[in-house]
Amino acid sequence: MVDVDMLAERLDKAARDVMPVAKLTERTPFDVATAYAVQRAGIERRRRRGERLAGVKMGFTSRAKMAQMGVDDVIWGLLTDAMLTESAVDVSRLIHPRIEPEIAYLIGREVRSAAEVESAVTGVAVGFEVLDSRYRDFKFTLPDVIADNASAARFGFGAWHAPRDLSNVGLLMEIDGRPVQTGSSAAILGDPARSLRAAARLALGAGLRLEPGWIVLAGAATAAVPLPKGAHVRVTGAGLGSVEVTA
């Protein structure tokens, strides 16, 4: 029998102490369903400390990453208000900080079915996610990364725009004025709207409804890059403006 709370505590402590741990599955093999139970237990620890749920983040939204991990569906994690970054992120509180450009959706009303999620969106924006695996050397199996809340750490977004077609938005990420990643939102399942619908489907399947004010991060359009202390990052989306953050 897998001790879900014990595994959640191990990851939670790693994050709080900024000390990586060995993959959980090295000692305790478990399946994907158990991994999500560990994830939710970890989120509940955060909620008991006063954090509030703020949305959903999607992972493995590229076909190449799915093939690499041997999966045929995306994974997801939960965002809290404590993860939201306005203009600066303290990377000294993170173990392996990496940053990637994102497409963000703002949910305007409660979502009761995946079919209605697009009509519930009241804003779209360019964003970023800072990933931080709590595992040693940023190495993990599929159940490990799910248990670790899909490596969620920090996120931010630029100005909101009216909902629009985002199937092929050009994205540019610069660090200290130097381009480090370019890509298109088409890399997100061919259209980030598919990722949005998957977010609703998976959340509802876990007994959660997307709520007004929640953010959905559709997934990476490019590979994540290391985020060094002192770096200034700007992510620009064609027609969506930009968002900036300093480490």
C-alpha atoms as a PDB file:
ATOM      1  CA  MET A   1       0.000   0.000   0.000  1.00  0.00           C
ATOM      2  CA  VAL A   2       1.477   3.365  -1.046  1.00  0.00           C
ATOM      3  CA  ASP A   3       1.573   6.036   1.665  1.00  0.00           C
ATOM      4  CA  VAL A   4       0.331   8.991  -0.372  1.00  0.00           C
ATOM      5  CA  ASP A   5       0.694  11.533   2.434  1.00  0.00           C
ATOM      6  CA  MET A   6       4.272  10.493   3.145  1.00  0.00           C
ATOM      7  CA  LEU A   7       5.251  10.921  -0.511  1.00  0.00           C
ATOM      8  CA  ALA A   8       3.507  14.302  -0.675  1.00  0.00           C
ATOM      9  CA  GLU A   9       5.361  15.420   2.451  1.00  0.00           C
ATOM     10  CA  ARG A  10       8.692  14.377   0.951  1.00  0.00           C
ATOM     11  CA  LEU A  11       8.114  16.560  -2.119  1.00  0.00           C
ATOM     12  CA  ASP A  12       6.680  19.422  -0.091  1.00  0.00           C
ATOM     13  CA  LYS A  13       9.699  19.419   2.214  1.00  0.00           C
ATOM     14  CA  ALA A  14      12.068  19.332  -0.774  1.00  0.00           C
ATOM     15  CA  ALA A  15      10.412  22.471  -2.148  1.00  0.00           C
ATOM     16  CA  ARG A  16      10.363  24.280   1.201  1.00  0.00           C
ATOM     17  CA  ASP A  17      13.983  23.367   2.033  1.00  0.00           C
ATOM     18  CA  VAL A  18      15.189  23.903  -1.573  1.00  0.00           C
ATOM     19  CA  MET A  19      16.815  20.477  -1.435  1.00  0.00           C
ATOM     20  CA  PRO A  20      16.296  17.921  -4.234  1.00  0.00           C
ATOM     21  CA  VAL A  21      15.304  14.348  -3.454  1.00  0.00           C
ATOM     22  CA  ALA A  22      15.637  11.054  -5.267  1.00  0.00           C
ATOM     23  CA  LYS A  23      12.777   9.999  -7.544  1.00  0.00           C
ATOM     24  CA  LEU A  24       9.921   8.710  -5.406  1.00  0.00           C
ATOM     25  CA  THR A  25       9.568   5.649  -7.628  1.00  0.00           C
ATOM     26  CA  GLU A  26      13.098   4.516  -6.781  1.00  0.00           C
ATOM     27  CA  ARG A  27      11.836   3.391  -3.376  1.00  0.00           C
ATOM     28  CA  THR A  28       8.100   3.128  -3.946  1.00  0.00           C
ATOM     29  CA  PRO A  29       6.810   2.216  -7.409  1.00  0.00           C
ATOM     30  CA  PHE A  30       3.324   3.576  -8.086  1.00  0.00           C
ATOM     31  CA  ASP A  31       0.990   4.210 -11.004  1.00  0.00           C
ATOM     32  CA  VAL A  32      -0.398   7.368 -12.595  1.00  0.00           C
ATOM     33  CA  ALA A  33      -3.618   7.334 -10.555  1.00  0.00           C
ATOM     34  CA  THR A  34      -1.594   7.212  -7.350  1.00  0.00           C
ATOM     35  CA  ALA A  35       0.662   9.971  -8.702  1.00  0.00           C
ATOM     36  CA  TYR A  36      -2.304  12.290  -9.047  1.00  0.00           C
ATOM     37  CA  ALA A  37      -3.370  11.401  -5.494  1.00  0.00           C
ATOM     38  CA  VAL A  38       0.101  12.450  -4.298  1.00  0.00           C
ATOM     39  CA  GLN A  39      -0.215  15.671  -6.315  1.00  0.00           C
ATOM     40  CA  ARG A  40      -3.556  16.532  -4.721  1.00  0.00           C
ATOM     41  CA  ALA A  41      -2.203  15.736  -1.245  1.00  0.00           C
ATOM     42  CA  GLY A  42       0.655  18.135  -1.897  1.00  0.00           C
ATOM     43  CA  ILE A  43      -1.763  20.852  -3.017  1.00  0.00           C
ATOM     44  CA  GLU A  44      -3.850  20.298   0.098  1.00  0.00           C
ATOM     45  CA  ARG A  45      -0.750  20.983   2.194  1.00  0.00           C
ATOM     46  CA  ARG A  46      -0.371  24.283   0.391  1.00  0.00           C
ATOM     47  CA  ARG A  47      -4.031  25.126   0.930  1.00  0.00           C
ATOM     48  CA  ARG A  48      -3.725  24.459   4.654  1.00  0.00           C
ATOM     49  CA  ARG A  49      -0.930  27.022   4.688  1.00  0.00           C
ATOM     50  CA  GLY A  50      -3.317  29.594   3.202  1.00  0.00           C
ATOM     51  CA  GLU A  51      -2.735  29.264  -0.544  1.00  0.00           C
ATOM     52  CA  ARG A  52      -5.724  29.371  -2.880  1.00  0.00           C
ATOM     53  CA  LEU A  53      -6.214  27.476  -6.119  1.00  0.00           C
ATOM     54  CA  ALA A  54      -5.636  29.771  -9.086  1.00  0.00           C
ATOM     55  CA  GLY A  55      -5.813  27.511 -12.116  1.00  0.00           C
ATOM     56  CA  VAL A  56      -4.429  24.611 -14.101  1.00  0.00           C
ATOM     57  CA  LYS A  57      -1.177  24.073 -15.963  1.00  0.00           C
ATOM     58  CA  MET A  58      -0.759  21.590 -18.757  1.00  0.00           C
ATOM     59  CA  GLY A  59       2.272  19.455 -19.510  1.00  0.00           C
ATOM     60  CA  PHE A  60       3.539  17.148 -22.262  1.00  0.00           C
ATOM     61  CA  THR A  61       1.580  19.162 -24.808  1.00  0.00           C
ATOM     62  CA  SER A  62       3.969  18.424 -27.669  1.00  0.00           C
ATOM     63  CA  ARG A  63       3.744  15.184 -29.613  1.00  0.00           C
ATOM     64  CA  ALA A  64       7.519  14.780 -29.349  1.00  0.00           C
ATOM     65  CA  LYS A  65       7.407  14.967 -25.539  1.00  0.00           C
ATOM     66  CA  MET A  66       4.535  12.481 -25.409  1.00  0.00           C
ATOM     67  CA  ALA A  67       6.535  10.050 -27.518  1.00  0.00           C
ATOM     68  CA  GLN A  68       9.633  10.599 -25.381  1.00  0.00           C
ATOM     69  CA  MET A  69       7.717   9.807 -22.182  1.00  0.00           C
ATOM     70  CA  GLY A  70       5.720   6.975 -23.759  1.00  0.00           C
ATOM     71  CA  VAL A  71       2.310   8.518 -23.119  1.00  0.00           C
ATOM     72  CA  ASP A  72      -0.717   9.247 -25.290  1.00  0.00           C
ATOM     73  CA  ASP A  73      -2.279  12.034 -23.227  1.00  0.00           C
ATOM     74  CA  VAL A  74      -1.208  15.289 -21.639  1.00  0.00           C
ATOM     75  CA  ILE A  75      -0.574  15.667 -17.925  1.00  0.00           C
ATOM     76  CA  TRP A  76      -1.734  18.486 -15.696  1.00  0.00           C
ATOM     77  CA  GLY A  77      -0.988  20.213 -12.426  1.00  0.00           C
ATOM     78  CA  LEU A  78      -2.590  22.873 -10.263  1.00  0.00           C
ATOM     79  CA  LEU A  79      -1.622  26.512  -9.832  1.00  0.00           C
ATOM     80  CA  THR A  80      -1.986  28.481  -6.606  1.00  0.00           C
ATOM     81  CA  ASP A  81      -1.968  32.202  -5.936  1.00  0.00           C
ATOM     82  CA  ALA A  82       1.436  31.882  -4.249  1.00  0.00           C
ATOM     83  CA  MET A  83       2.941  30.774  -7.568  1.00  0.00           C
ATOM     84  CA  LEU A  84       1.818  33.931  -9.382  1.00  0.00           C
ATOM     85  CA  THR A  85       4.752  36.215 -10.191  1.00  0.00           C
ATOM     86  CA  GLU A  86       4.192  39.883 -10.979  1.00  0.00           C
ATOM     87  CA  SER A  87       7.635  41.113 -12.022  1.00  0.00           C
ATOM     88  CA  ALA A  88      10.352  39.179 -10.182  1.00  0.00           C
ATOM     89  CA  VAL A  89      10.990  35.598  -9.132  1.00  0.00           C
ATOM     90  CA  ASP A  90      13.362  34.621  -6.333  1.00  0.00           C
ATOM     91  CA  VAL A  91      15.302  31.786  -7.936  1.00  0.00           C
ATOM     92  CA  SER A  92      17.211  31.207  -4.682  1.00  0.00           C
ATOM     93  CA  ARG A  93      14.003  29.527  -3.471  1.00  0.00           C
ATOM     94  CA  LEU A  94      13.996  27.122  -6.418  1.00  0.00           C
ATOM     95  CA  ILE A  95      16.104  24.029  -7.098  1.00  0.00           C
ATOM     96  CA  HIS A  96      16.329  23.792 -10.899  1.00  0.00           C
ATOM     97  CA  PRO A  97      14.576  26.926 -12.235  1.00  0.00           C
ATOM     98  CA  ARG A  98      13.728  26.810 -15.940  1.00  0.00           C
ATOM     99  CA  ILE A  99      11.447  29.106 -17.888  1.00  0.00           C
ATOM    100  CA  GLU A 100       9.266  28.626 -20.960  1.00  0.00           C
ATOM    101  CA  PRO A 101       6.826  30.750 -22.988  1.00  0.00           C
ATOM    102  CA  GLU A 102       3.130  30.039 -22.558  1.00  0.00           C
ATOM    103  CA  ILE A 103      -0.318  30.864 -23.839  1.00  0.00           C
ATOM    104  CA  ALA A 104      -2.626  31.770 -20.938  1.00  0.00           C
ATOM    105  CA  TYR A 105      -6.422  31.652 -20.799  1.00  0.00           C
ATOM    106  CA  LEU A 106      -8.594  33.518 -18.282  1.00  0.00           C
ATOM    107  CA  ILE A 107     -11.736  31.667 -17.202  1.00  0.00           C
ATOM    108  CA  GLY A 108     -14.746  33.948 -16.796  1.00  0.00           C
ATOM    109  CA  ARG A 109     -17.378  31.581 -15.440  1.00  0.00           C
ATOM    110  CA  GLU A 110     -17.597  28.148 -13.884  1.00  0.00           C
ATOM    111  CA  VAL A 111     -16.964  25.386 -16.391  1.00  0.00           C
ATOM    112  CA  ARG A 112     -19.249  22.378 -16.046  1.00  0.00           C
ATOM    113  CA  SER A 113     -18.161  20.488 -19.188  1.00  0.00           C
ATOM    114  CA  ALA A 114     -15.171  20.403 -21.508  1.00  0.00           C
ATOM    115  CA  ALA A 115     -17.453  21.320 -24.408  1.00  0.00           C
ATOM    116  CA  GLU A 116     -18.257  24.729 -22.910  1.00  0.00           C
ATOM    117  CA  VAL A 117     -14.778  25.755 -21.781  1.00  0.00           C
ATOM    118  CA  GLU A 118     -13.936  27.857 -24.842  1.00  0.00           C
ATOM    119  CA  SER A 119     -17.088  29.925 -24.429  1.00  0.00           C
ATOM    120  CA  ALA A 120     -16.150  30.483 -20.778  1.00  0.00           C
ATOM    121  CA  VAL A 121     -12.844  32.154 -21.694  1.00  0.00           C
ATOM    122  CA  THR A 122     -12.914  35.942 -21.242  1.00  0.00           C
ATOM    123  CA  GLY A 123      -9.265  36.722 -21.970  1.00  0.00           C
ATOM    124  CA  VAL A 124      -6.097  35.408 -23.586  1.00  0.00           C
ATOM    125  CA  ALA A 125      -2.517  36.498 -22.975  1.00  0.00           C
ATOM    126  CA  VAL A 126       1.096  35.649 -23.547  1.00  0.00           C
ATOM    127  CA  GLY A 127       2.668  34.205 -20.415  1.00  0.00           C
ATOM    128  CA  PHE A 128       5.531  32.275 -18.924  1.00  0.00           C
ATOM    129  CA  GLU A 129       5.974  29.354 -16.579  1.00  0.00           C
ATOM    130  CA  VAL A 130       8.953  28.746 -14.338  1.00  0.00           C
ATOM    131  CA  LEU A 131       9.426  25.020 -13.856  1.00  0.00           C
ATOM    132  CA  ASP A 132      11.254  23.491 -10.917  1.00  0.00           C
ATOM    133  CA  SER A 133      11.526  19.740 -10.520  1.00  0.00           C
ATOM    134  CA  ARG A 134      12.053  18.741  -6.927  1.00  0.00           C
ATOM    135  CA  TYR A 135      14.013  15.692  -8.099  1.00  0.00           C
ATOM    136  CA  ARG A 136      17.754  15.353  -8.183  1.00  0.00           C
ATOM    137  CA  ASP A 137      19.265  16.236 -11.596  1.00  0.00           C
ATOM    138  CA  PHE A 138      15.808  17.120 -13.013  1.00  0.00           C
ATOM    139  CA  LYS A 139      15.264  13.430 -13.801  1.00  0.00           C
ATOM    140  CA  PHE A 140      11.975  11.626 -13.294  1.00  0.00           C
ATOM    141  CA  THR A 141       9.502   9.050 -14.566  1.00  0.00           C
ATOM    142  CA  LEU A 142       5.947   9.865 -15.626  1.00  0.00           C
ATOM    143  CA  PRO A 143       4.418   9.073 -12.189  1.00  0.00           C
ATOM    144  CA  ASP A 144       7.192  11.060 -10.487  1.00  0.00           C
ATOM    145  CA  VAL A 145       6.579  14.252 -12.454  1.00  0.00           C
ATOM    146  CA  ILE A 146       2.802  14.027 -12.012  1.00  0.00           C
ATOM    147  CA  ALA A 147       3.244  13.575  -8.253  1.00  0.00           C
ATOM    148  CA  ASP A 148       5.518  16.641  -8.294  1.00  0.00           C
ATOM    149  CA  ASN A 149       2.607  18.749  -9.607  1.00  0.00           C
ATOM    150  CA  ALA A 150       3.989  18.608 -13.158  1.00  0.00           C
ATOM    151  CA  SER A 151       7.057  20.620 -12.015  1.00  0.00           C
ATOM    152  CA  ALA A 152       4.943  23.727 -11.365  1.00  0.00           C
ATOM    153  CA  ALA A 153       6.737  26.536  -9.535  1.00  0.00           C
ATOM    154  CA  ARG A 154       5.899  30.071 -10.741  1.00  0.00           C
ATOM    155  CA  PHE A 155       3.924  31.687 -13.544  1.00  0.00           C
ATOM    156  CA  GLY A 156       2.986  35.062 -14.942  1.00  0.00           C
ATOM    157  CA  PHE A 157       1.178  36.663 -17.864  1.00  0.00           C
ATOM    158  CA  GLY A 158       0.879  39.925 -19.759  1.00  0.00           C
ATOM    159  CA  ALA A 159      -2.147  42.081 -20.552  1.00  0.00           C
ATOM    160  CA  TRP A 160      -5.393  40.277 -21.295  1.00  0.00           C
ATOM    161  CA  HIS A 161      -6.883  40.461 -24.797  1.00  0.00           C
ATOM    162  CA  ALA A 162     -10.275  39.469 -26.126  1.00  0.00           C
ATOM    163  CA  PRO A 163     -10.517  35.760 -27.004  1.00  0.00           C
ATOM    164  CA  ARG A 164      -9.257  35.018 -30.500  1.00  0.00           C
ATOM    165  CA  ASP A 165      -7.794  32.310 -32.709  1.00  0.00           C
ATOM    166  CA  LEU A 166      -4.463  31.330 -31.146  1.00  0.00           C
ATOM    167  CA  SER A 167      -3.694  28.362 -33.380  1.00  0.00           C
ATOM    168  CA  ASN A 168      -0.537  29.888 -34.849  1.00  0.00           C
ATOM    169  CA  VAL A 169       0.814  32.689 -32.661  1.00  0.00           C
ATOM    170  CA  GLY A 170       4.520  33.390 -33.048  1.00  0.00           C
ATOM    171  CA  LEU A 171       6.350  33.408 -29.710  1.00  0.00           C
ATOM    172  CA  LEU A 172       9.751  34.825 -28.826  1.00  0.00           C
ATOM    173  CA  MET A 173      11.569  34.500 -25.517  1.00  0.00           C
ATOM    174  CA  GLU A 174      14.565  36.718 -24.796  1.00  0.00           C
ATOM    175  CA  ILE A 175      16.982  36.698 -21.871  1.00  0.00           C
ATOM    176  CA  ASP A 176      18.890  39.935 -21.314  1.00  0.00           C
ATOM    177  CA  GLY A 177      17.844  41.065 -24.784  1.00  0.00           C
ATOM    178  CA  ARG A 178      19.128  37.924 -26.518  1.00  0.00           C
ATOM    179  CA  PRO A 179      16.666  35.580 -28.263  1.00  0.00           C
ATOM    180  CA  VAL A 180      16.830  32.135 -26.639  1.00  0.00           C
ATOM    181  CA  GLN A 181      13.677  30.459 -27.954  1.00  0.00           C
ATOM    182  CA  THR A 182      11.297  31.040 -30.840  1.00  0.00           C
ATOM    183  CA  GLY A 183       8.261  28.999 -31.731  1.00  0.00           C
ATOM    184  CA  SER A 184       4.581  28.923 -32.504  1.00  0.00           C
ATOM    185  CA  SER A 185       1.534  28.174 -30.401  1.00  0.00           C
ATOM    186  CA  ALA A 186       0.819  25.474 -33.014  1.00  0.00           C
ATOM    187  CA  ALA A 187       3.390  23.376 -31.139  1.00  0.00           C
ATOM    188  CA  ILE A 188       0.818  23.077 -28.340  1.00  0.00           C
ATOM    189  CA  LEU A 189      -1.193  20.081 -29.581  1.00  0.00           C
ATOM    190  CA  GLY A 190      -1.546  21.795 -32.962  1.00  0.00           C
ATOM    191  CA  ASP A 191      -3.752  24.452 -31.345  1.00  0.00           C
ATOM    192  CA  PRO A 192      -3.685  25.530 -27.656  1.00  0.00           C
ATOM    193  CA  ALA A 193      -7.501  25.354 -27.649  1.00  0.00           C
ATOM    194  CA  ARG A 194      -7.088  21.578 -27.610  1.00  0.00           C
ATOM    195  CA  SER A 195      -5.006  21.891 -24.468  1.00  0.00           C
ATOM    196  CA  LEU A 196      -7.654  24.155 -22.929  1.00  0.00           C
ATOM    197  CA  ARG A 197     -10.320  21.528 -23.572  1.00  0.00           C
ATOM    198  CA  ALA A 198      -8.049  18.834 -22.125  1.00  0.00           C
ATOM    199  CA  ALA A 199      -7.571  20.951 -18.994  1.00  0.00           C
ATOM    200  CA  ALA A 200     -11.327  21.092 -18.475  1.00  0.00           C
ATOM    201  CA  ARG A 201     -11.727  17.374 -19.194  1.00  0.00           C
ATOM    202  CA  LEU A 202      -8.997  16.306 -16.774  1.00  0.00           C
ATOM    203  CA  ALA A 203     -10.017  18.710 -14.029  1.00  0.00           C
ATOM    204  CA  LEU A 204     -13.658  17.636 -14.235  1.00  0.00           C
ATOM    205  CA  GLY A 205     -12.575  14.004 -14.199  1.00  0.00           C
ATOM    206  CA  ALA A 206     -10.787  14.724 -10.917  1.00  0.00           C
ATOM    207  CA  GLY A 207     -13.842  16.425  -9.423  1.00  0.00           C
ATOM    208  CA  LEU A 208     -12.727  20.031 -10.041  1.00  0.00           C
ATOM    209  CA  ARG A 209     -14.550  22.668 -12.061  1.00  0.00           C
ATOM    210  CA  LEU A 210     -12.570  25.498 -13.596  1.00  0.00           C
ATOM    211  CA  GLU A 211     -13.688  28.583 -11.699  1.00  0.00           C
ATOM    212  CA  PRO A 212     -14.071  32.276 -12.582  1.00  0.00           C
ATOM    213  CA  GLY A 213     -10.715  34.018 -12.333  1.00  0.00           C
ATOM    214  CA  TRP A 214      -8.710  30.829 -12.820  1.00  0.00           C
ATOM    215  CA  ILE A 215      -5.861  30.708 -15.302  1.00  0.00           C
ATOM    216  CA  VAL A 216      -5.152  27.850 -17.690  1.00  0.00           C
ATOM    217  CA  LEU A 217      -1.575  27.622 -18.952  1.00  0.00           C
ATOM    218  CA  ALA A 218      -1.880  25.703 -22.208  1.00  0.00           C
ATOM    219  CA  GLY A 219       1.642  24.279 -22.233  1.00  0.00           C
ATOM    220  CA  ALA A 220       5.045  25.052 -23.643  1.00  0.00           C
ATOM    221  CA  ALA A 221       5.480  26.199 -27.225  1.00  0.00           C
ATOM    222  CA  THR A 222       9.260  25.717 -26.947  1.00  0.00           C
ATOM    223  CA  ALA A 223      11.728  23.918 -24.728  1.00  0.00           C
ATOM    224  CA  ALA A 224      12.320  25.386 -21.272  1.00  0.00           C
ATOM    225  CA  VAL A 225      15.681  27.050 -20.643  1.00  0.00           C
ATOM    226  CA  PRO A 226      17.619  27.528 -17.374  1.00  0.00           C
ATOM    227  CA  LEU A 227      16.737  30.723 -15.508  1.00  0.00           C
ATOM    228  CA  PRO A 228      19.884  32.158 -13.884  1.00  0.00           C
ATOM    229  CA  LYS A 229      19.864  34.665 -11.033  1.00  0.00           C
ATOM    230  CA  GLY A 230      19.818  38.243 -12.307  1.00  0.00           C
ATOM    231  CA  ALA A 231      18.399  37.369 -15.719  1.00  0.00           C
ATOM    232  CA  HIS A 232      15.767  39.583 -17.324  1.00  0.00           C
ATOM    233  CA  VAL A 233      13.275  37.640 -19.436  1.00  0.00           C
ATOM    234  CA  ARG A 234      10.796  38.954 -21.967  1.00  0.00           C
ATOM    235  CA  VAL A 235       8.239  36.764 -23.722  1.00  0.00           C
ATOM    236  CA  THR A 236       6.454  38.242 -26.726  1.00  0.00           C
ATOM    237  CA  GLY A 237       3.457  36.828 -28.556  1.00  0.00           C
ATOM    238  CA  ALA A 238       2.405  38.118 -31.991  1.00  0.00           C
ATOM    239  CA  GLY A 239      -0.674  40.265 -31.430  1.00  0.00           C
ATOM    240  CA  LEU A 240      -0.572  39.641 -27.672  1.00  0.00           C
ATOM    241  CA  GLY A 241       2.151  42.009 -26.536  1.00  0.00           C
ATOM    242  CA  SER A 242       4.743  40.857 -24.047  1.00  0.00           C
ATOM    243  CA  VAL A 243       5.404  39.977 -20.423  1.00  0.00           C
ATOM    244  CA  GLU A 244       8.649  40.503 -18.531  1.00  0.00           C
ATOM    245  CA  VAL A 245      10.158  39.028 -15.394  1.00  0.00           C
ATOM    246  CA  THR A 246      13.478  39.391 -13.583  1.00  0.00           C
ATOM    247  CA  ALA A 247      15.149  36.589 -11.657  1.00  0.00           C
END
